[in-house]
Amino acid sequence: MEPLRPVPLDEIRAAAGRIRGIALRTPLLRLEEPSTAEVFLKLENLQPIGSFKLRGAANSMAVIDPDRLAAGVGTVSAGNMGRAVAWLAHQRGIPCTVVVPDDAPAAKLEPMRQLGATIVPEPFDRWWQGLAEARHPAIGGTFLNAFAAAPMIAGNGTIGLELVEDGPALDAVVVPFGGGGLSSGIACAVRALRPDVPVYAAEVEGAAPLAAALAAGRPVTIEMQRSFVDGIGSRRVTDAMWPLVSSVLAGSIVVSPDEVRRAVRLLVARGRVVAEGAGAVAVAAALSGRAGTGRVAAIVSGGNIDPPVLAGILVGS
């Protein structure tokens, strides 16, 4: 794959027009919790499919010829991209195939099946290979890249437009880092409109390839430790994404799984917000104070968490 470059502001604005009426303009609410920073929550968990992925997937499909889409679509996804593609395919009445890791949570798989998607489970390494290479033999229709494609990044960047338009005078933004499509899209928009506002990635210990890459000055392979934070984390930043994320992000804030659990509990108790592990990572990073002590927006990227996992976190297990 060719290395990706920053997406121009006019492409992000065009994406906003394409997805209007499909993806919600989500609220930005202050988290009422004493902290070194004043934290605001961008609630992408309120999207119809429970995550931000609807934005990029909708924009990606909008720029593809309808005749080409008629043969079906597919993606390689940990769950949320698959759900977005399945939802959009169902709306259009076209086939959908989603390749998932074989330990993907039921909360993300069952809605895809209900939408008529064909689910193909793979061991994590083979699943990640398909994600990094943007292809898989089980997908016969149009492949939709979960993060490393300009239309996907532009769709995600519409969150950045909303942050600048709707929010207070923000001092920083913190975004969960999975493949890099969300964080880089938001950073492209925010840098174009508010170049003084840094955008940080948020990662979890044991699955923080961006922090390792930034330290080394190049993508490196890490020993990955799986946790309940299933929507983000990998062994390596892809070569296609590295030039982009290394140029637009201000750094990576790495938090522990326990910090993420505390953020999940806090979101329920203070904000009445249900977030999956990946969705709470940015909140944990913002509360740590490492993004600064001013007004910090944290992207709650999704809320598709298995009920037993959420119950365990809420009771402290």
Protein backbone atom coordinates (compact mmCIF):
# COMPACT_ATOMS: atom_id res chain seq x y z
CA MET A 1 0.00 0.00 0.00
CA GLU A 2 1.11 3.54 -0.75
CA PRO A 3 1.99 5.70 2.29
CA LEU A 4 -0.87 7.99 3.30
CA ARG A 5 -0.58 11.77 3.53
CA PRO A 6 -2.67 14.37 5.40
CA VAL A 7 -6.21 14.71 4.09
CA PRO A 8 -7.04 18.28 2.97
CA LEU A 9 -9.73 20.20 4.83
CA ASP A 10 -11.93 20.48 1.73
CA GLU A 11 -12.08 16.66 1.48
CA ILE A 12 -13.16 16.44 5.11
CA ARG A 13 -15.84 19.06 4.54
CA ALA A 14 -17.03 17.17 1.45
CA ALA A 15 -17.24 14.01 3.57
CA ALA A 16 -19.38 15.88 6.10
CA GLY A 17 -21.86 16.66 3.34
CA ARG A 18 -21.94 13.06 2.11
CA ILE A 19 -22.63 11.50 5.50
CA ARG A 20 -25.17 14.08 6.68
CA GLY A 21 -28.36 12.23 7.52
CA ILE A 22 -26.49 8.94 7.98
CA ALA A 23 -24.11 9.64 10.86
CA LEU A 24 -25.18 11.72 13.84
CA ARG A 25 -23.60 15.00 14.84
CA THR A 26 -22.73 13.78 18.32
CA PRO A 27 -22.76 15.95 21.44
CA LEU A 28 -19.70 17.27 23.28
CA LEU A 29 -20.41 17.22 27.02
CA ARG A 30 -18.34 18.21 30.04
CA LEU A 31 -17.41 15.36 32.38
CA GLU A 32 -18.31 16.43 35.90
CA GLU A 33 -15.31 14.97 37.67
CA PRO A 34 -12.52 16.72 39.60
CA SER A 35 -9.33 16.37 37.58
CA THR A 36 -6.15 18.18 36.62
CA ALA A 37 -7.87 18.81 33.26
CA GLU A 38 -11.35 19.98 32.31
CA VAL A 39 -12.48 16.97 30.29
CA PHE A 40 -15.12 17.05 27.56
CA LEU A 41 -16.61 13.89 26.05
CA LYS A 42 -17.29 13.54 22.32
CA LEU A 43 -19.92 10.80 22.41
CA GLU A 44 -19.43 8.70 19.28
CA ASN A 45 -20.93 5.76 21.18
CA LEU A 46 -24.30 7.37 20.34
CA GLN A 47 -23.97 6.66 16.61
CA PRO A 48 -26.67 4.27 15.26
CA ILE A 49 -24.16 1.39 15.21
CA GLY A 50 -22.57 2.37 18.52
CA SER A 51 -19.26 3.71 17.21
CA PHE A 52 -17.53 6.35 15.09
CA LYS A 53 -16.86 3.85 12.29
CA LEU A 54 -20.15 4.76 10.63
CA ARG A 55 -18.65 8.08 9.51
CA GLY A 56 -15.69 6.73 7.58
CA ALA A 57 -17.55 3.71 6.23
CA ALA A 58 -20.42 5.88 4.97
CA ASN A 59 -18.04 8.26 3.22
CA SER A 60 -16.07 5.36 1.75
CA MET A 61 -19.20 3.81 0.24
CA ALA A 62 -20.50 7.18 -0.97
CA VAL A 63 -17.50 7.68 -3.28
CA ILE A 64 -17.75 4.20 -4.87
CA ASP A 65 -19.77 3.64 -8.04
CA PRO A 66 -23.14 2.06 -7.12
CA ASP A 67 -22.78 -0.56 -9.87
CA ARG A 68 -19.53 -1.71 -8.29
CA LEU A 69 -21.13 -1.86 -4.85
CA ALA A 70 -23.95 -4.06 -6.13
CA ALA A 71 -21.62 -7.10 -6.02
CA GLY A 72 -21.24 -6.64 -2.27
CA VAL A 73 -18.78 -5.21 0.21
CA GLY A 74 -16.48 -6.58 2.87
CA THR A 75 -13.95 -5.58 5.47
CA VAL A 76 -11.48 -6.92 8.01
CA SER A 77 -12.50 -5.63 11.42
CA ALA A 78 -12.30 -6.18 15.16
CA GLY A 79 -16.03 -5.49 15.20
CA ASN A 80 -17.07 -1.85 14.90
CA MET A 81 -16.05 -1.33 11.27
CA GLY A 82 -17.73 -4.61 10.42
CA ARG A 83 -20.91 -3.48 12.10
CA ALA A 84 -20.82 -0.16 10.23
CA VAL A 85 -20.31 -1.86 6.87
CA ALA A 86 -23.00 -4.45 7.63
CA TRP A 87 -25.45 -1.69 8.61
CA LEU A 88 -24.77 0.29 5.44
CA ALA A 89 -24.92 -2.84 3.26
CA HIS A 90 -28.25 -3.78 4.82
CA GLN A 91 -29.59 -0.31 4.02
CA ARG A 92 -28.58 -0.80 0.38
CA GLY A 93 -29.66 -4.43 0.16
CA ILE A 94 -26.23 -5.72 -0.90
CA PRO A 95 -24.14 -8.65 0.42
CA CYS A 96 -21.57 -8.09 3.16
CA THR A 97 -18.65 -10.18 4.46
CA VAL A 98 -16.69 -9.35 7.62
CA VAL A 99 -13.45 -11.07 8.61
CA VAL A 100 -13.03 -10.92 12.40
CA PRO A 101 -10.50 -12.16 14.98
CA ASP A 102 -11.64 -15.47 16.41
CA ASP A 103 -11.95 -13.99 19.90
CA ALA A 104 -14.09 -11.00 18.89
CA PRO A 105 -16.77 -10.24 21.53
CA ALA A 106 -20.33 -11.35 20.98
CA ALA A 107 -21.57 -7.78 21.50
CA LYS A 108 -19.92 -6.87 18.20
CA LEU A 109 -20.60 -10.07 16.24
CA GLU A 110 -24.28 -10.69 16.87
CA PRO A 111 -25.51 -7.35 15.47
CA MET A 112 -23.58 -8.04 12.25
CA ARG A 113 -25.24 -11.44 11.90
CA GLN A 114 -28.65 -9.86 12.52
CA LEU A 115 -27.94 -7.45 9.66
CA GLY A 116 -27.25 -10.40 7.34
CA ALA A 117 -23.47 -10.20 7.20
CA THR A 118 -21.35 -13.31 6.60
CA ILE A 119 -18.84 -13.61 9.46
CA VAL A 120 -15.43 -15.20 8.81
CA PRO A 121 -13.38 -15.74 12.02
CA GLU A 122 -9.58 -15.92 11.77
CA PRO A 123 -6.71 -16.37 14.27
CA PHE A 124 -5.40 -12.96 15.31
CA ASP A 125 -2.18 -13.05 13.26
CA ARG A 126 -3.99 -13.98 10.02
CA TRP A 127 -6.71 -11.45 10.79
CA TRP A 128 -4.13 -8.70 11.32
CA GLN A 129 -2.37 -9.66 8.08
CA GLY A 130 -5.61 -9.09 6.18
CA LEU A 131 -6.09 -5.78 7.96
CA ALA A 132 -2.55 -4.59 7.18
CA GLU A 133 -2.60 -5.80 3.57
CA ALA A 134 -6.16 -4.55 2.92
CA ARG A 135 -7.30 -7.79 1.33
CA HIS A 136 -8.65 -11.21 2.22
CA PRO A 137 -9.63 -14.14 -0.02
CA ALA A 138 -13.03 -14.49 1.67
CA ILE A 139 -14.07 -11.01 0.47
CA GLY A 140 -15.29 -11.18 -3.10
CA GLY A 141 -16.89 -7.74 -3.39
CA THR A 142 -15.47 -4.27 -2.80
CA PHE A 143 -12.98 -4.19 0.07
CA LEU A 144 -13.44 -1.33 2.53
CA ASN A 145 -10.30 -0.55 4.51
CA ALA A 146 -11.00 -0.05 8.21
CA PHE A 147 -8.49 2.80 8.58
CA ALA A 148 -5.78 3.12 5.89
CA ALA A 149 -7.73 4.87 3.13
CA ALA A 150 -8.25 8.56 2.44
CA PRO A 151 -12.10 8.37 2.30
CA MET A 152 -12.14 6.58 5.65
CA ILE A 153 -9.82 9.14 7.20
CA ALA A 154 -11.82 12.05 5.74
CA GLY A 155 -15.04 10.62 7.19
CA ASN A 156 -13.41 10.29 10.59
CA GLY A 157 -12.12 13.83 10.24
CA THR A 158 -15.68 15.15 10.39
CA ILE A 159 -15.43 14.62 14.16
CA GLY A 160 -12.64 17.19 14.17
CA LEU A 161 -14.82 19.69 12.33
CA GLU A 162 -17.52 19.28 14.97
CA LEU A 163 -15.04 19.64 17.83
CA VAL A 164 -13.88 23.01 16.53
CA GLU A 165 -17.37 24.22 15.62
CA ASP A 166 -19.26 23.04 18.71
CA GLY A 167 -16.71 22.94 21.47
CA PRO A 168 -15.25 25.52 23.81
CA ALA A 169 -11.77 26.88 23.21
CA LEU A 170 -10.14 23.46 23.50
CA ASP A 171 -6.52 23.12 24.54
CA ALA A 172 -6.01 19.51 23.42
CA VAL A 173 -7.78 16.49 21.93
CA VAL A 174 -7.18 12.84 22.86
CA VAL A 175 -8.20 10.03 20.51
CA PRO A 176 -8.04 6.22 20.85
CA PHE A 177 -5.39 4.74 18.54
CA GLY A 178 -6.15 1.48 16.75
CA GLY A 179 -4.98 1.56 13.16
CA GLY A 180 -4.64 5.34 13.17
CA GLY A 181 -7.53 6.29 10.89
CA LEU A 182 -9.57 8.00 13.61
CA SER A 183 -6.76 9.91 15.29
CA SER A 184 -5.18 11.07 12.02
CA GLY A 185 -8.52 12.12 10.53
CA ILE A 186 -9.38 14.23 13.56
CA ALA A 187 -5.85 15.64 13.64
CA CYS A 188 -6.03 16.67 9.96
CA ALA A 189 -9.20 18.67 10.62
CA VAL A 190 -8.10 20.20 13.92
CA ARG A 191 -4.63 21.14 12.63
CA ALA A 192 -6.18 22.89 9.62
CA LEU A 193 -8.59 24.93 11.75
CA ARG A 194 -6.77 25.21 15.08
CA PRO A 195 -3.05 24.48 14.53
CA ASP A 196 -2.34 25.46 18.13
CA VAL A 197 -4.39 22.53 19.50
CA PRO A 198 -2.39 19.28 19.81
CA VAL A 199 -4.08 15.96 19.05
CA TYR A 200 -2.76 13.01 21.06
CA ALA A 201 -3.23 9.30 20.51
CA ALA A 202 -4.31 7.18 23.47
CA GLU A 203 -3.09 3.59 23.79
CA VAL A 204 -3.24 0.85 26.41
CA GLU A 205 -0.21 -0.83 27.98
CA GLY A 206 0.76 -4.05 26.26
CA ALA A 207 -0.77 -2.95 22.95
CA ALA A 208 0.84 0.42 22.21
CA PRO A 209 2.68 0.19 18.87
CA LEU A 210 2.50 3.93 18.19
CA ALA A 211 4.36 4.83 21.38
CA ALA A 212 7.03 2.29 20.47
CA ALA A 213 7.26 3.61 16.91
CA LEU A 214 7.55 7.22 18.04
CA ALA A 215 10.33 6.25 20.45
CA ALA A 216 12.20 4.36 17.73
CA GLY A 217 11.52 6.84 14.94
CA ARG A 218 10.01 4.08 12.77
CA PRO A 219 7.42 1.29 13.02
CA VAL A 220 8.60 -1.57 15.21
CA THR A 221 7.00 -4.86 16.18
CA ILE A 222 6.06 -5.20 19.84
CA GLU A 223 5.07 -8.10 22.07
CA MET A 224 1.33 -7.62 22.33
CA GLN A 225 -0.69 -8.44 25.44
CA ARG A 226 -4.43 -8.84 24.88
CA SER A 227 -6.91 -7.35 27.36
CA PHE A 228 -10.58 -6.45 27.61
CA VAL A 229 -9.70 -3.40 25.47
CA ASP A 230 -10.42 -5.26 22.24
CA GLY A 231 -11.19 -2.47 19.78
CA ILE A 232 -7.66 -1.06 19.59
CA GLY A 233 -4.10 -2.33 19.86
CA SER A 234 -1.81 -4.24 17.55
CA ARG A 235 1.78 -5.39 17.20
CA ARG A 236 2.85 -2.69 14.75
CA VAL A 237 1.89 0.58 13.10
CA THR A 238 1.43 -0.20 9.42
CA ASP A 239 3.95 1.23 6.97
CA ALA A 240 1.13 2.92 5.06
CA MET A 241 -0.08 4.81 8.16
CA TRP A 242 3.27 5.71 9.70
CA PRO A 243 4.09 8.83 7.59
CA LEU A 244 0.65 10.25 8.34
CA VAL A 245 0.30 9.53 12.05
CA SER A 246 3.89 10.53 12.80
CA SER A 247 3.36 13.90 11.12
CA VAL A 248 -0.05 14.94 12.51
CA LEU A 249 -0.17 13.51 16.04
CA ALA A 250 1.50 15.26 18.98
CA GLY A 251 2.37 11.99 20.74
CA SER A 252 0.92 8.92 22.39
CA ILE A 253 -0.40 8.72 25.94
CA VAL A 254 -0.26 5.14 27.21
CA VAL A 255 -2.58 4.14 30.06
CA SER A 256 -2.93 0.91 32.02
CA PRO A 257 -5.90 -1.49 31.74
CA ASP A 258 -6.78 -0.54 35.33
CA GLU A 259 -6.94 3.14 34.37
CA VAL A 260 -9.27 2.20 31.52
CA ARG A 261 -11.48 0.19 33.89
CA ARG A 262 -11.71 3.19 36.20
CA ALA A 263 -12.67 5.37 33.23
CA VAL A 264 -15.43 2.92 32.21
CA ARG A 265 -16.82 3.00 35.76
CA LEU A 266 -16.55 6.78 35.94
CA LEU A 267 -18.36 7.28 32.65
CA VAL A 268 -21.28 5.20 33.88
CA ALA A 269 -21.38 6.82 37.33
CA ARG A 270 -20.81 10.47 36.36
CA GLY A 271 -21.93 10.70 32.76
CA ARG A 272 -24.43 7.85 32.42
CA VAL A 273 -22.33 6.84 29.42
CA VAL A 274 -21.55 3.24 28.45
CA ALA A 275 -18.18 2.93 26.71
CA GLU A 276 -16.28 -0.10 25.50
CA GLY A 277 -12.64 -0.39 26.54
CA ALA A 278 -11.34 1.39 23.45
CA GLY A 279 -13.91 4.14 23.96
CA ALA A 280 -12.70 4.79 27.51
CA VAL A 281 -8.97 4.84 26.73
CA ALA A 282 -8.99 8.49 25.65
CA VAL A 283 -10.93 9.45 28.77
CA ALA A 284 -8.37 7.70 30.96
CA ALA A 285 -5.57 9.50 29.11
CA ALA A 286 -7.26 12.90 29.47
CA LEU A 287 -7.85 12.36 33.19
CA SER A 288 -4.16 11.49 33.66
CA GLY A 289 -3.23 15.11 32.97
CA ARG A 290 -0.69 14.11 30.33
CA ALA A 291 -2.60 15.96 27.61
CA GLY A 292 -2.40 19.14 29.65
CA THR A 293 -4.40 20.81 32.38
CA GLY A 294 -6.73 22.92 30.26
CA ARG A 295 -9.84 21.97 28.30
CA VAL A 296 -9.28 18.51 26.82
CA ALA A 297 -11.70 16.70 24.52
CA ALA A 298 -11.68 12.91 24.80
CA ILE A 299 -13.24 10.88 21.98
CA VAL A 300 -15.53 8.15 23.34
CA SER A 301 -15.16 6.13 20.15
CA GLY A 302 -17.67 3.37 20.86
CA GLY A 303 -19.96 1.69 23.35
CA ASN A 304 -20.19 -1.89 22.08
CA ILE A 305 -19.08 -3.78 25.17
CA ASP A 306 -20.21 -7.27 26.18
CA PRO A 307 -22.66 -6.97 29.12
CA PRO A 308 -20.77 -9.53 31.26
CA VAL A 309 -17.52 -7.59 30.75
CA LEU A 310 -19.21 -4.32 31.69
CA ALA A 311 -20.82 -5.93 34.74
CA GLY A 312 -17.45 -7.26 35.89
CA ILE A 313 -15.86 -3.83 35.55
CA LEU A 314 -18.67 -2.09 37.40
CA VAL A 315 -18.41 -4.43 40.39
CA GLY A 316 -14.65 -4.16 40.35
CA SER A 317 -13.66 -7.63 39.11
